[in-house]
C-alpha atoms as a PDB file:
ATOM      1  CA  MET A   1      79.808 139.562  64.468  1.00  0.00           C
ATOM      2  CA  PRO A   2      82.168 138.916  61.589  1.00  0.00           C
ATOM      3  CA  ILE A   3      83.398 135.339  61.465  1.00  0.00           C
ATOM      4  CA  LEU A   4      86.848 136.472  60.310  1.00  0.00           C
ATOM      5  CA  PRO A   5      88.225 139.973  60.875  1.00  0.00           C
ATOM      6  CA  ASP A   6      88.961 142.187  57.901  1.00  0.00           C
ATOM      7  CA  VAL A   7      92.641 142.570  57.126  1.00  0.00           C
ATOM      8  CA  LEU A   8      92.624 146.044  55.609  1.00  0.00           C
ATOM      9  CA  ALA A   9      94.718 149.203  55.541  1.00  0.00           C
ATOM     10  CA  PRO A  10      94.683 152.264  53.305  1.00  0.00           C
ATOM     11  CA  GLY A  11      96.479 152.062  49.974  1.00  0.00           C
ATOM     12  CA  LEU A  12      97.034 148.303  49.671  1.00  0.00           C
ATOM     13  CA  ASP A  13      98.010 146.854  46.304  1.00  0.00           C
ATOM     14  CA  ILE A  14      95.384 144.102  46.344  1.00  0.00           C
ATOM     15  CA  VAL A  15      92.437 143.173  48.535  1.00  0.00           C
ATOM     16  CA  PHE A  16      91.057 139.665  48.076  1.00  0.00           C
ATOM     17  CA  CYS A  17      87.368 139.173  48.718  1.00  0.00           C
ATOM     18  CA  GLY A  18      85.686 135.825  49.268  1.00  0.00           C
ATOM     19  CA  THR A  19      82.025 135.063  49.735  1.00  0.00           C
ATOM     20  CA  GLY A  20      82.209 134.222  53.427  1.00  0.00           C
ATOM     21  CA  ALA A  21      84.027 131.883  55.768  1.00  0.00           C
ATOM     22  CA  GLY A  22      83.828 128.220  54.914  1.00  0.00           C
ATOM     23  CA  ALA A  23      83.072 125.828  57.763  1.00  0.00           C
ATOM     24  CA  TRP A  24      86.726 124.833  58.146  1.00  0.00           C
ATOM     25  CA  SER A  25      87.946 128.440  58.108  1.00  0.00           C
ATOM     26  CA  ALA A  26      85.330 129.456  60.682  1.00  0.00           C
ATOM     27  CA  ARG A  27      86.305 126.542  62.921  1.00  0.00           C
ATOM     28  CA  VAL A  28      90.013 127.412  62.928  1.00  0.00           C
ATOM     29  CA  GLY A  29      89.580 131.201  62.661  1.00  0.00           C
ATOM     30  CA  ALA A  30      91.638 131.720  59.503  1.00  0.00           C
ATOM     31  CA  TYR A  31      90.994 132.686  55.892  1.00  0.00           C
ATOM     32  CA  TYR A  32      91.184 129.948  53.218  1.00  0.00           C
ATOM     33  CA  ALA A  33      92.186 127.393  55.868  1.00  0.00           C
ATOM     34  CA  ASN A  34      90.860 124.163  54.357  1.00  0.00           C
ATOM     35  CA  PRO A  35      93.865 122.025  53.355  1.00  0.00           C
ATOM     36  CA  GLY A  36      92.378 121.572  49.858  1.00  0.00           C
ATOM     37  CA  ASN A  37      92.144 125.318  49.229  1.00  0.00           C
ATOM     38  CA  LYS A  38      94.659 126.675  46.701  1.00  0.00           C
ATOM     39  CA  PHE A  39      94.608 130.315  47.904  1.00  0.00           C
ATOM     40  CA  TRP A  40      97.849 130.417  49.903  1.00  0.00           C
ATOM     41  CA  PRO A  41      99.987 128.315  47.533  1.00  0.00           C
ATOM     42  CA  THR A  42      98.667 130.341  44.584  1.00  0.00           C
ATOM     43  CA  LEU A  43      99.623 133.701  46.129  1.00  0.00           C
ATOM     44  CA  HIS A  44     103.185 132.449  46.346  1.00  0.00           C
ATOM     45  CA  ALA A  45     103.194 130.664  42.973  1.00  0.00           C
ATOM     46  CA  VAL A  46     102.139 133.805  41.055  1.00  0.00           C
ATOM     47  CA  GLY A  47     104.591 136.044  42.919  1.00  0.00           C
ATOM     48  CA  LEU A  48     102.264 137.977  45.207  1.00  0.00           C
ATOM     49  CA  THR A  49     104.102 136.769  48.310  1.00  0.00           C
ATOM     50  CA  PRO A  50     107.786 135.812  48.591  1.00  0.00           C
ATOM     51  CA  ARG A  51     106.933 132.756  50.684  1.00  0.00           C
ATOM     52  CA  ARG A  52     103.951 130.553  51.263  1.00  0.00           C
ATOM     53  CA  ILE A  53     101.912 131.937  54.145  1.00  0.00           C
ATOM     54  CA  SER A  54     100.072 129.513  56.395  1.00  0.00           C
ATOM     55  CA  PRO A  55      96.381 130.197  56.991  1.00  0.00           C
ATOM     56  CA  ALA A  56      97.045 130.791  60.711  1.00  0.00           C
ATOM     57  CA  ASP A  57      99.362 133.671  59.748  1.00  0.00           C
ATOM     58  CA  PHE A  58      96.814 135.329  57.444  1.00  0.00           C
ATOM     59  CA  GLN A  59      97.431 138.791  58.915  1.00  0.00           C
ATOM     60  CA  ASP A  60     101.005 138.645  57.563  1.00  0.00           C
ATOM     61  CA  VAL A  61      99.620 139.560  54.128  1.00  0.00           C
ATOM     62  CA  LEU A  62      99.600 143.244  55.115  1.00  0.00           C
ATOM     63  CA  ALA A  63     103.407 143.223  54.939  1.00  0.00           C
ATOM     64  CA  PHE A  64     103.076 142.365  51.241  1.00  0.00           C
ATOM     65  CA  GLY A  65     100.486 145.037  50.404  1.00  0.00           C
ATOM     66  CA  ILE A  66      97.602 142.554  50.481  1.00  0.00           C
ATOM     67  CA  GLY A  67      94.299 142.649  52.360  1.00  0.00           C
ATOM     68  CA  LEU A  68      91.427 140.213  52.982  1.00  0.00           C
ATOM     69  CA  THR A  69      87.675 140.546  53.387  1.00  0.00           C
ATOM     70  CA  ASP A  70      84.396 138.821  52.472  1.00  0.00           C
ATOM     71  CA  VAL A  71      81.099 139.824  50.870  1.00  0.00           C
ATOM     72  CA  ALA A  72      79.146 138.239  53.741  1.00  0.00           C
ATOM     73  CA  LYS A  73      81.117 138.726  56.952  1.00  0.00           C
ATOM     74  CA  GLU A  74      78.613 136.719  59.040  1.00  0.00           C
ATOM     75  CA  HIS A  75      78.211 133.721  56.696  1.00  0.00           C
ATOM     76  CA  VAL A  76      79.635 130.292  57.446  1.00  0.00           C
ATOM     77  CA  GLY A  77      79.428 127.422  55.010  1.00  0.00           C
ATOM     78  CA  GLN A  78      79.145 126.742  51.303  1.00  0.00           C
ATOM     79  CA  ASP A  79      78.707 129.616  48.863  1.00  0.00           C
ATOM     80  CA  THR A  80      75.574 127.956  47.524  1.00  0.00           C
ATOM     81  CA  GLU A  81      73.999 128.033  51.003  1.00  0.00           C
ATOM     82  CA  ILE A  82      74.538 131.732  51.634  1.00  0.00           C
ATOM     83  CA  ASP A  83      71.726 133.660  53.251  1.00  0.00           C
ATOM     84  CA  LEU A  84      71.381 136.687  50.968  1.00  0.00           C
ATOM     85  CA  GLU A  85      70.385 138.816  53.968  1.00  0.00           C
ATOM     86  CA  ARG A  86      73.959 138.416  55.218  1.00  0.00           C
ATOM     87  CA  VAL A  87      75.355 140.015  52.053  1.00  0.00           C
ATOM     88  CA  ASP A  88      76.074 143.707  52.550  1.00  0.00           C
ATOM     89  CA  ALA A  89      77.262 145.067  49.208  1.00  0.00           C
ATOM     90  CA  ALA A  90      76.908 148.667  50.406  1.00  0.00           C
ATOM     91  CA  ALA A  91      79.244 148.061  53.362  1.00  0.00           C
ATOM     92  CA  LEU A  92      81.750 146.377  51.060  1.00  0.00           C
ATOM     93  CA  ARG A  93      81.601 149.279  48.590  1.00  0.00           C
ATOM     94  CA  ASP A  94      82.232 151.657  51.522  1.00  0.00           C
ATOM     95  CA  LYS A  95      85.342 149.644  52.460  1.00  0.00           C
ATOM     96  CA  ILE A  96      86.651 149.797  48.902  1.00  0.00           C
ATOM     97  CA  GLU A  97      86.082 153.546  48.735  1.00  0.00           C
ATOM     98  CA  ARG A  98      87.560 154.157  52.188  1.00  0.00           C
ATOM     99  CA  PHE A  99      90.705 152.005  51.827  1.00  0.00           C
ATOM    100  CA  GLN A 100      91.214 152.515  48.059  1.00  0.00           C
ATOM    101  CA  PRO A 101      93.293 149.466  47.180  1.00  0.00           C
ATOM    102  CA  ARG A 102      94.781 149.511  43.679  1.00  0.00           C
ATOM    103  CA  HIS A 103      93.129 146.155  42.907  1.00  0.00           C
ATOM    104  CA  PHE A 104      90.129 144.416  44.450  1.00  0.00           C
ATOM    105  CA  ALA A 105      89.899 140.729  43.527  1.00  0.00           C
ATOM    106  CA  PHE A 106      86.898 138.485  44.101  1.00  0.00           C
ATOM    107  CA  THR A 107      88.058 134.932  44.751  1.00  0.00           C
ATOM    108  CA  SER A 108      85.049 133.456  42.966  1.00  0.00           C
ATOM    109  CA  LYS A 109      82.358 134.380  40.480  1.00  0.00           C
ATOM    110  CA  ARG A 110      79.816 133.854  43.280  1.00  0.00           C
ATOM    111  CA  ALA A 111      81.416 136.544  45.468  1.00  0.00           C
ATOM    112  CA  ALA A 112      81.547 138.951  42.515  1.00  0.00           C
ATOM    113  CA  SER A 113      77.959 138.141  41.594  1.00  0.00           C
ATOM    114  CA  LEU A 114      76.700 138.877  45.112  1.00  0.00           C
ATOM    115  CA  PHE A 115      78.508 142.222  45.156  1.00  0.00           C
ATOM    116  CA  LEU A 116      77.825 143.348  41.588  1.00  0.00           C
ATOM    117  CA  GLY A 117      74.281 141.998  41.391  1.00  0.00           C
ATOM    118  CA  LEU A 118      74.996 140.159  38.132  1.00  0.00           C
ATOM    119  CA  PRO A 119      74.471 136.500  37.263  1.00  0.00           C
ATOM    120  CA  THR A 120      77.706 134.524  37.355  1.00  0.00           C
ATOM    121  CA  ALA A 121      77.258 133.671  33.655  1.00  0.00           C
ATOM    122  CA  HIS A 122      77.669 137.387  32.836  1.00  0.00           C
ATOM    123  CA  LEU A 123      80.946 137.746  34.711  1.00  0.00           C
ATOM    124  CA  PRO A 124      84.129 137.005  32.809  1.00  0.00           C
ATOM    125  CA  TYR A 125      87.262 136.057  34.684  1.00  0.00           C
ATOM    126  CA  GLY A 126      89.897 138.756  34.856  1.00  0.00           C
ATOM    127  CA  GLU A 127      89.734 142.519  35.153  1.00  0.00           C
ATOM    128  CA  GLN A 128      86.249 144.007  34.974  1.00  0.00           C
ATOM    129  CA  ALA A 129      85.356 147.004  32.815  1.00  0.00           C
ATOM    130  CA  SER A 130      84.051 149.221  35.631  1.00  0.00           C
ATOM    131  CA  PRO A 131      86.387 150.181  38.487  1.00  0.00           C
ATOM    132  CA  ILE A 132      85.265 151.697  41.774  1.00  0.00           C
ATOM    133  CA  GLY A 133      87.026 155.035  41.761  1.00  0.00           C
ATOM    134  CA  LEU A 134      90.660 154.191  41.078  1.00  0.00           C
ATOM    135  CA  THR A 135      90.284 150.605  42.318  1.00  0.00           C
ATOM    136  CA  ARG A 136      90.395 148.035  39.539  1.00  0.00           C
ATOM    137  CA  LEU A 137      88.056 145.057  40.030  1.00  0.00           C
ATOM    138  CA  HIS A 138      89.020 141.486  39.135  1.00  0.00           C
ATOM    139  CA  VAL A 139      87.181 138.158  39.167  1.00  0.00           C
ATOM    140  CA  LEU A 140      89.346 135.114  39.860  1.00  0.00           C
ATOM    141  CA  THR A 141      88.706 131.409  39.674  1.00  0.00           C
ATOM    142  CA  SER A 142      87.758 129.972  43.040  1.00  0.00           C
ATOM    143  CA  PRO A 143      90.685 128.418  44.933  1.00  0.00           C
ATOM    144  CA  SER A 144      88.283 126.121  46.803  1.00  0.00           C
ATOM    145  CA  GLY A 145      88.980 122.444  46.423  1.00  0.00           C
ATOM    146  CA  GLN A 146      85.299 121.994  45.533  1.00  0.00           C
ATOM    147  CA  ALA A 147      85.725 124.224  42.472  1.00  0.00           C
ATOM    148  CA  GLY A 148      88.319 121.848  41.019  1.00  0.00           C
ATOM    149  CA  PRO A 149      87.024 121.482  37.443  1.00  0.00           C
ATOM    150  CA  HIS A 150      86.744 125.275  37.073  1.00  0.00           C
ATOM    151  CA  TRP A 151      90.181 126.041  38.499  1.00  0.00           C
ATOM    152  CA  SER A 152      92.717 127.970  36.449  1.00  0.00           C
ATOM    153  CA  ILE A 153      95.737 129.838  37.749  1.00  0.00           C
ATOM    154  CA  GLU A 154      95.713 132.157  34.708  1.00  0.00           C
ATOM    155  CA  PRO A 155      93.390 134.874  36.136  1.00  0.00           C
ATOM    156  CA  TRP A 156      95.612 134.914  39.238  1.00  0.00           C
ATOM    157  CA  ARG A 157      98.724 135.353  37.087  1.00  0.00           C
ATOM    158  CA  ALA A 158      97.009 138.172  35.186  1.00  0.00           C
ATOM    159  CA  LEU A 159      96.236 139.908  38.495  1.00  0.00           C
ATOM    160  CA  ALA A 160      99.869 139.562  39.599  1.00  0.00           C
ATOM    161  CA  ARG A 161     101.007 141.114  36.289  1.00  0.00           C
ATOM    162  CA  ALA A 162      98.445 143.927  36.598  1.00  0.00           C
ATOM    163  CA  ALA A 163      99.768 144.623  40.101  1.00  0.00           C
ATOM    164  CA  GLY A 164     103.322 144.739  38.735  1.00  0.00           C
ATOM    165  CA  ARG A 165     104.360 141.449  40.298  1.00  0.00           C
ATOM    166  CA  ASP A 166     105.137 138.032  38.979  1.00  0.00           C
ATOM    167  CA  ALA A 167     106.825 134.896  40.244  1.00  0.00           C
ATOM    168  CA  GLY A 168     110.274 136.236  39.312  1.00  0.00           C
ATOM    169  CA  GLN A 169     109.751 139.386  41.380  1.00  0.00           C
ATOM    170  CA  ALA A 170     108.501 137.720  44.566  1.00  0.00           C
ATOM    171  CA  ALA A 171     111.889 137.689  46.267  1.00  0.00           C
ATOM    172  CA  GLY A 172     112.513 141.329  45.335  1.00  0.00           C
ATOM    173  CA  PHE A 173     109.690 142.817  47.381  1.00  0.00           C
ATOM    174  CA  ALA A 174     110.299 140.694  50.493  1.00  0.00           C
ATOM    175  CA  ALA A 175     112.668 143.326  51.839  1.00  0.00           C
ATOM    176  CA  GLN A 176     110.291 146.236  51.148  1.00  0.00           C
END
């Protein structure tokens, strides 16, 4: 059973993909729910949502052309503790091909590494050279509070620009 349900629909602008549910998120049943996680404030700060969404309202992202999923839908806990047998890269690739978002963004190098089969050291932040069909792949800095020293909002801003959004446009698409 997936810990958190996918939030997907055909033709989304961006789908964010984490590694798996953290312990806090699994406990409360919401994506990026730990109070120290920067995911929700960052979406708003870079202009991907016109307001800050609370973790409990995670399904509201669909209204803004955004989806959510994980590399390991049955994993709970730290990324470093992931059971590799719970990673299903083929199923994730099928989702990308079926739903065809314009952008698919991994919310950590670890999530991208598990999907792409590359060491994290070989993955630059930002847009990756090889798309999946028409879907452009991105690697973002982890919004987890535990990733603090590695945090940078810049890859998130670059994704917002690539998607044709920025902080100044956030209010404009609220009525769409």
